[in-house]
Amino acid sequence: MPKVKTNRGAAKRFKATGSGKIRRRKAFSSHILTKKSTKRKRNLRKGGLIAESDRKSVKRMLPYL
């Protein structure tokens, strides 16, 4: 059976935690920052975890994660 290809875009965006959950970065933090509050920008710096409903699709994109 052939090897499964990893989605390279997804590989750059997601990493696995020690317990097997998948980390991600928050969106909306790269530009048009003047209208966003300081509190909102500070919270965007923190990472997040993907939702349980997205886990199946991310696992399909990253078979060796």
PDB file of N, CA and C in Angstrom:
ATOM      1  N   MET A   1       0.833  -1.178   0.000  1.00  0.00           N
ATOM      2  CA  MET A   1       0.000   0.000   0.000  1.00  0.00           C
ATOM      3  C   MET A   1       0.886   1.253   0.000  1.00  0.00           C
ATOM      4  N   PRO A   2       0.541   2.255  -0.816  1.00  0.00           N
ATOM      5  CA  PRO A   2       1.411   3.426  -0.911  1.00  0.00           C
ATOM      6  C   PRO A   2       1.358   4.297   0.350  1.00  0.00           C
ATOM      7  N   LYS A   3       2.367   5.159   0.458  1.00  0.00           N
ATOM      8  CA  LYS A   3       2.392   6.107   1.568  1.00  0.00           C
ATOM      9  C   LYS A   3       1.271   7.125   1.400  1.00  0.00           C
ATOM     10  N   VAL A   4       0.813   7.681   2.514  1.00  0.00           N
ATOM     11  CA  VAL A   4      -0.219   8.717   2.481  1.00  0.00           C
ATOM     12  C   VAL A   4       0.495  10.062   2.523  1.00  0.00           C
ATOM     13  N   LYS A   5       0.095  10.995   1.647  1.00  0.00           N
ATOM     14  CA  LYS A   5       0.735  12.301   1.628  1.00  0.00           C
ATOM     15  C   LYS A   5       0.160  13.200   2.721  1.00  0.00           C
ATOM     16  N   THR A   6       1.055  13.927   3.371  1.00  0.00           N
ATOM     17  CA  THR A   6       0.667  14.913   4.372  1.00  0.00           C
ATOM     18  C   THR A   6       0.293  16.203   3.669  1.00  0.00           C
ATOM     19  N   ASN A   7      -0.762  16.864   4.113  1.00  0.00           N
ATOM     20  CA  ASN A   7      -1.125  18.188   3.606  1.00  0.00           C
ATOM     21  C   ASN A   7      -0.137  19.181   4.206  1.00  0.00           C
ATOM     22  N   ARG A   8       0.728  19.759   3.373  1.00  0.00           N
ATOM     23  CA  ARG A   8       1.818  20.585   3.880  1.00  0.00           C
ATOM     24  C   ARG A   8       1.331  21.880   4.516  1.00  0.00           C
ATOM     25  N   GLY A   9       0.233  22.437   4.014  1.00  0.00           N
ATOM     26  CA  GLY A   9      -0.319  23.644   4.620  1.00  0.00           C
ATOM     27  C   GLY A   9      -0.795  23.376   6.029  1.00  0.00           C
ATOM     28  N   ALA A  10      -1.438  22.228   6.224  1.00  0.00           N
ATOM     29  CA  ALA A  10      -1.925  21.855   7.552  1.00  0.00           C
ATOM     30  C   ALA A  10      -0.762  21.527   8.483  1.00  0.00           C
ATOM     31  N   ALA A  11       0.295  20.932   7.949  1.00  0.00           N
ATOM     32  CA  ALA A  11       1.447  20.567   8.773  1.00  0.00           C
ATOM     33  C   ALA A  11       2.112  21.801   9.368  1.00  0.00           C
ATOM     34  N   LYS A  12       2.060  22.930   8.643  1.00  0.00           N
ATOM     35  CA  LYS A  12       2.659  24.166   9.145  1.00  0.00           C
ATOM     36  C   LYS A  12       1.765  24.858  10.168  1.00  0.00           C
ATOM     37  N   ARG A  13       0.488  24.532  10.197  1.00  0.00           N
ATOM     38  CA  ARG A  13      -0.458  25.228  11.072  1.00  0.00           C
ATOM     39  C   ARG A  13      -0.785  24.493  12.359  1.00  0.00           C
ATOM     40  N   PHE A  14      -0.649  23.172  12.382  1.00  0.00           N
ATOM     41  CA  PHE A  14      -1.069  22.380  13.541  1.00  0.00           C
ATOM     42  C   PHE A  14       0.089  21.588  14.122  1.00  0.00           C
ATOM     43  N   LYS A  15       0.078  21.442  15.449  1.00  0.00           N
ATOM     44  CA  LYS A  15       1.051  20.605  16.140  1.00  0.00           C
ATOM     45  C   LYS A  15       0.292  19.795  17.182  1.00  0.00           C
ATOM     46  N   ALA A  16       0.807  18.627  17.501  1.00  0.00           N
ATOM     47  CA  ALA A  16       0.160  17.782  18.502  1.00  0.00           C
ATOM     48  C   ALA A  16       0.702  18.118  19.889  1.00  0.00           C
ATOM     49  N   THR A  17      -0.161  18.058  20.888  1.00  0.00           N
ATOM     50  CA  THR A  17       0.273  18.219  22.271  1.00  0.00           C
ATOM     51  C   THR A  17       0.685  16.854  22.798  1.00  0.00           C
ATOM     52  N   GLY A  18       1.201  16.827  23.996  1.00  0.00           N
ATOM     53  CA  GLY A  18       1.630  15.571  24.593  1.00  0.00           C
ATOM     54  C   GLY A  18       0.494  14.592  24.794  1.00  0.00           C
ATOM     55  N   SER A  19      -0.698  15.126  25.080  1.00  0.00           N
ATOM     56  CA  SER A  19      -1.839  14.251  25.334  1.00  0.00           C
ATOM     57  C   SER A  19      -2.579  13.859  24.051  1.00  0.00           C
ATOM     58  N   GLY A  20      -2.101  14.347  22.902  1.00  0.00           N
ATOM     59  CA  GLY A  20      -2.715  13.954  21.632  1.00  0.00           C
ATOM     60  C   GLY A  20      -3.705  14.945  21.062  1.00  0.00           C
ATOM     61  N   LYS A  21      -3.960  16.033  21.785  1.00  0.00           N
ATOM     62  CA  LYS A  21      -4.831  17.071  21.232  1.00  0.00           C
ATOM     63  C   LYS A  21      -4.044  17.861  20.190  1.00  0.00           C
ATOM     64  N   ILE A  22      -4.752  18.659  19.396  1.00  0.00           N
ATOM     65  CA  ILE A  22      -4.080  19.382  18.317  1.00  0.00           C
ATOM     66  C   ILE A  22      -4.151  20.878  18.583  1.00  0.00           C
ATOM     67  N   ARG A  23      -2.972  21.510  18.619  1.00  0.00           N
ATOM     68  CA  ARG A  23      -2.875  22.952  18.856  1.00  0.00           C
ATOM     69  C   ARG A  23      -3.017  23.708  17.551  1.00  0.00           C
ATOM     70  N   ARG A  24      -3.485  24.956  17.668  1.00  0.00           N
ATOM     71  CA  ARG A  24      -3.591  25.832  16.509  1.00  0.00           C
ATOM     72  C   ARG A  24      -3.316  27.252  16.963  1.00  0.00           C
ATOM     73  N   ARG A  25      -3.135  28.153  15.992  1.00  0.00           N
ATOM     74  CA  ARG A  25      -3.013  29.576  16.292  1.00  0.00           C
ATOM     75  C   ARG A  25      -4.349  30.239  16.062  1.00  0.00           C
ATOM     76  N   LYS A  26      -4.583  31.345  16.755  1.00  0.00           N
ATOM     77  CA  LYS A  26      -5.834  32.062  16.574  1.00  0.00           C
ATOM     78  C   LYS A  26      -5.784  32.884  15.287  1.00  0.00           C
ATOM     79  N   ALA A  27      -6.929  33.068  14.664  1.00  0.00           N
ATOM     80  CA  ALA A  27      -7.024  33.854  13.442  1.00  0.00           C
ATOM     81  C   ALA A  27      -7.250  35.329  13.784  1.00  0.00           C
ATOM     82  N   PHE A  28      -7.233  36.184  12.768  1.00  0.00           N
ATOM     83  CA  PHE A  28      -7.540  37.625  12.873  1.00  0.00           C
ATOM     84  C   PHE A  28      -6.495  38.422  13.650  1.00  0.00           C
ATOM     85  N   SER A  29      -5.232  37.991  13.627  1.00  0.00           N
ATOM     86  CA  SER A  29      -4.233  38.702  14.417  1.00  0.00           C
ATOM     87  C   SER A  29      -3.114  39.298  13.585  1.00  0.00           C
ATOM     88  N   SER A  30      -3.243  39.314  12.258  1.00  0.00           N
ATOM     89  CA  SER A  30      -2.105  39.735  11.448  1.00  0.00           C
ATOM     90  C   SER A  30      -2.184  41.164  10.930  1.00  0.00           C
ATOM     91  N   HIS A  31      -3.361  41.681  10.616  1.00  0.00           N
ATOM     92  CA  HIS A  31      -3.445  43.062  10.130  1.00  0.00           C
ATOM     93  C   HIS A  31      -4.796  43.664  10.500  1.00  0.00           C
ATOM     94  N   ILE A  32      -4.953  44.949  10.203  1.00  0.00           N
ATOM     95  CA  ILE A  32      -6.119  45.748  10.629  1.00  0.00           C
ATOM     96  C   ILE A  32      -6.266  45.638  12.159  1.00  0.00           C
ATOM     97  N   LEU A  33      -5.174  45.942  12.849  1.00  0.00           N
ATOM     98  CA  LEU A  33      -5.154  45.791  14.304  1.00  0.00           C
ATOM     99  C   LEU A  33      -5.599  47.052  15.034  1.00  0.00           C
ATOM    100  N   THR A  34      -5.733  48.190  14.310  1.00  0.00           N
ATOM    101  CA  THR A  34      -6.042  49.448  14.998  1.00  0.00           C
ATOM    102  C   THR A  34      -7.434  49.452  15.589  1.00  0.00           C
ATOM    103  N   LYS A  35      -8.375  48.804  14.936  1.00  0.00           N
ATOM    104  CA  LYS A  35      -9.748  48.818  15.446  1.00  0.00           C
ATOM    105  C   LYS A  35     -10.018  47.741  16.488  1.00  0.00           C
ATOM    106  N   LYS A  36      -9.076  46.835  16.698  1.00  0.00           N
ATOM    107  CA  LYS A  36      -9.252  45.786  17.698  1.00  0.00           C
ATOM    108  C   LYS A  36      -8.737  46.273  19.047  1.00  0.00           C
ATOM    109  N   SER A  37      -9.440  45.901  20.092  1.00  0.00           N
ATOM    110  CA  SER A  37      -9.056  46.362  21.427  1.00  0.00           C
ATOM    111  C   SER A  37      -7.773  45.656  21.877  1.00  0.00           C
ATOM    112  N   THR A  38      -7.101  46.280  22.836  1.00  0.00           N
ATOM    113  CA  THR A  38      -5.869  45.708  23.369  1.00  0.00           C
ATOM    114  C   THR A  38      -6.125  44.339  23.983  1.00  0.00           C
ATOM    115  N   LYS A  39      -7.241  44.217  24.676  1.00  0.00           N
ATOM    116  CA  LYS A  39      -7.592  42.943  25.306  1.00  0.00           C
ATOM    117  C   LYS A  39      -7.793  41.857  24.262  1.00  0.00           C
ATOM    118  N   ARG A  40      -8.478  42.212  23.169  1.00  0.00           N
ATOM    119  CA  ARG A  40      -8.722  41.240  22.107  1.00  0.00           C
ATOM    120  C   ARG A  40      -7.410  40.798  21.455  1.00  0.00           C
ATOM    121  N   LYS A  41      -6.514  41.751  21.189  1.00  0.00           N
ATOM    122  CA  LYS A  41      -5.225  41.422  20.574  1.00  0.00           C
ATOM    123  C   LYS A  41      -4.376  40.563  21.502  1.00  0.00           C
ATOM    124  N   ARG A  42      -4.425  40.845  22.797  1.00  0.00           N
ATOM    125  CA  ARG A  42      -3.675  40.057  23.770  1.00  0.00           C
ATOM    126  C   ARG A  42      -4.173  38.619  23.803  1.00  0.00           C
ATOM    127  N   ASN A  43      -5.487  38.436  23.736  1.00  0.00           N
ATOM    128  CA  ASN A  43      -6.044  37.075  23.736  1.00  0.00           C
ATOM    129  C   ASN A  43      -5.761  36.335  22.444  1.00  0.00           C
ATOM    130  N   LEU A  44      -5.570  37.064  21.345  1.00  0.00           N
ATOM    131  CA  LEU A  44      -5.241  36.419  20.077  1.00  0.00           C
ATOM    132  C   LEU A  44      -3.821  35.867  20.070  1.00  0.00           C
ATOM    133  N   ARG A  45      -2.956  36.389  20.938  1.00  0.00           N
ATOM    134  CA  ARG A  45      -1.581  35.889  21.001  1.00  0.00           C
ATOM    135  C   ARG A  45      -1.511  34.466  21.526  1.00  0.00           C
ATOM    136  N   LYS A  46      -2.433  34.115  22.391  1.00  0.00           N
ATOM    137  CA  LYS A  46      -2.431  32.774  22.983  1.00  0.00           C
ATOM    138  C   LYS A  46      -2.844  31.750  21.935  1.00  0.00           C
ATOM    139  N   GLY A  47      -2.353  30.555  22.076  1.00  0.00           N
ATOM    140  CA  GLY A  47      -2.755  29.498  21.172  1.00  0.00           C
ATOM    141  C   GLY A  47      -4.123  28.965  21.533  1.00  0.00           C
ATOM    142  N   GLY A  48      -4.606  28.049  20.742  1.00  0.00           N
ATOM    143  CA  GLY A  48      -5.880  27.410  21.038  1.00  0.00           C
ATOM    144  C   GLY A  48      -5.811  25.948  20.646  1.00  0.00           C
ATOM    145  N   LEU A  49      -6.860  25.246  20.910  1.00  0.00           N
ATOM    146  CA  LEU A  49      -6.981  23.851  20.490  1.00  0.00           C
ATOM    147  C   LEU A  49      -8.082  23.771  19.440  1.00  0.00           C
ATOM    148  N   ILE A  50      -7.968  22.805  18.535  1.00  0.00           N
ATOM    149  CA  ILE A  50      -9.038  22.656  17.556  1.00  0.00           C
ATOM    150  C   ILE A  50     -10.252  22.024  18.223  1.00  0.00           C
ATOM    151  N   ALA A  51     -11.411  22.287  17.657  1.00  0.00           N
ATOM    152  CA  ALA A  51     -12.653  21.737  18.192  1.00  0.00           C
ATOM    153  C   ALA A  51     -12.713  20.235  17.919  1.00  0.00           C
ATOM    154  N   GLU A  52     -13.447  19.540  18.753  1.00  0.00           N
ATOM    155  CA  GLU A  52     -13.599  18.085  18.570  1.00  0.00           C
ATOM    156  C   GLU A  52     -14.211  17.755  17.214  1.00  0.00           C
ATOM    157  N   SER A  53     -15.101  18.629  16.724  1.00  0.00           N
ATOM    158  CA  SER A  53     -15.765  18.374  15.449  1.00  0.00           C
ATOM    159  C   SER A  53     -14.800  18.460  14.270  1.00  0.00           C
ATOM    160  N   ASP A  54     -13.669  19.161  14.435  1.00  0.00           N
ATOM    161  CA  ASP A  54     -12.683  19.290  13.351  1.00  0.00           C
ATOM    162  C   ASP A  54     -11.578  18.252  13.431  1.00  0.00           C
ATOM    163  N   ARG A  55     -11.539  17.508  14.503  1.00  0.00           N
ATOM    164  CA  ARG A  55     -10.424  16.574  14.708  1.00  0.00           C
ATOM    165  C   ARG A  55     -10.298  15.548  13.592  1.00  0.00           C
ATOM    166  N   LYS A  56     -11.415  15.010  13.132  1.00  0.00           N
ATOM    167  CA  LYS A  56     -11.381  13.974  12.096  1.00  0.00           C
ATOM    168  C   LYS A  56     -10.769  14.493  10.797  1.00  0.00           C
ATOM    169  N   SER A  57     -11.163  15.702  10.387  1.00  0.00           N
ATOM    170  CA  SER A  57     -10.649  16.244   9.135  1.00  0.00           C
ATOM    171  C   SER A  57      -9.167  16.611   9.241  1.00  0.00           C
ATOM    172  N   VAL A  58      -8.738  17.102  10.400  1.00  0.00           N
ATOM    173  CA  VAL A  58      -7.328  17.443  10.568  1.00  0.00           C
ATOM    174  C   VAL A  58      -6.487  16.172  10.615  1.00  0.00           C
ATOM    175  N   LYS A  59      -6.973  15.146  11.272  1.00  0.00           N
ATOM    176  CA  LYS A  59      -6.255  13.864  11.312  1.00  0.00           C
ATOM    177  C   LYS A  59      -6.106  13.268   9.907  1.00  0.00           C
ATOM    178  N   ARG A  60      -7.091  13.494   9.059  1.00  0.00           N
ATOM    179  CA  ARG A  60      -7.006  13.002   7.680  1.00  0.00           C
ATOM    180  C   ARG A  60      -5.922  13.758   6.907  1.00  0.00           C
ATOM    181  N   MET A  61      -5.789  15.053   7.173  1.00  0.00           N
ATOM    182  CA  MET A  61      -4.760  15.841   6.495  1.00  0.00           C
ATOM    183  C   MET A  61      -3.369  15.542   7.016  1.00  0.00           C
ATOM    184  N   LEU A  62      -3.265  15.125   8.288  1.00  0.00           N
ATOM    185  CA  LEU A  62      -1.990  14.865   8.933  1.00  0.00           C
ATOM    186  C   LEU A  62      -1.935  13.431   9.423  1.00  0.00           C
ATOM    187  N   PRO A  63      -1.746  12.464   8.530  1.00  0.00           N
ATOM    188  CA  PRO A  63      -1.837  11.057   8.925  1.00  0.00           C
ATOM    189  C   PRO A  63      -0.725  10.615   9.886  1.00  0.00           C
ATOM    190  N   TYR A  64       0.413  11.324   9.919  1.00  0.00           N
ATOM    191  CA  TYR A  64       1.527  10.898  10.771  1.00  0.00           C
ATOM    192  C   TYR A  64       1.679  11.756  12.013  1.00  0.00           C
ATOM    193  N   LEU A  65       0.649  12.536  12.349  1.00  0.00           N
ATOM    194  CA  LEU A  65       0.695  13.416  13.523  1.00  0.00           C
ATOM    195  C   LEU A  65       0.370  12.634  14.778  1.00  0.00           C
TER     196      LEU A  65
END
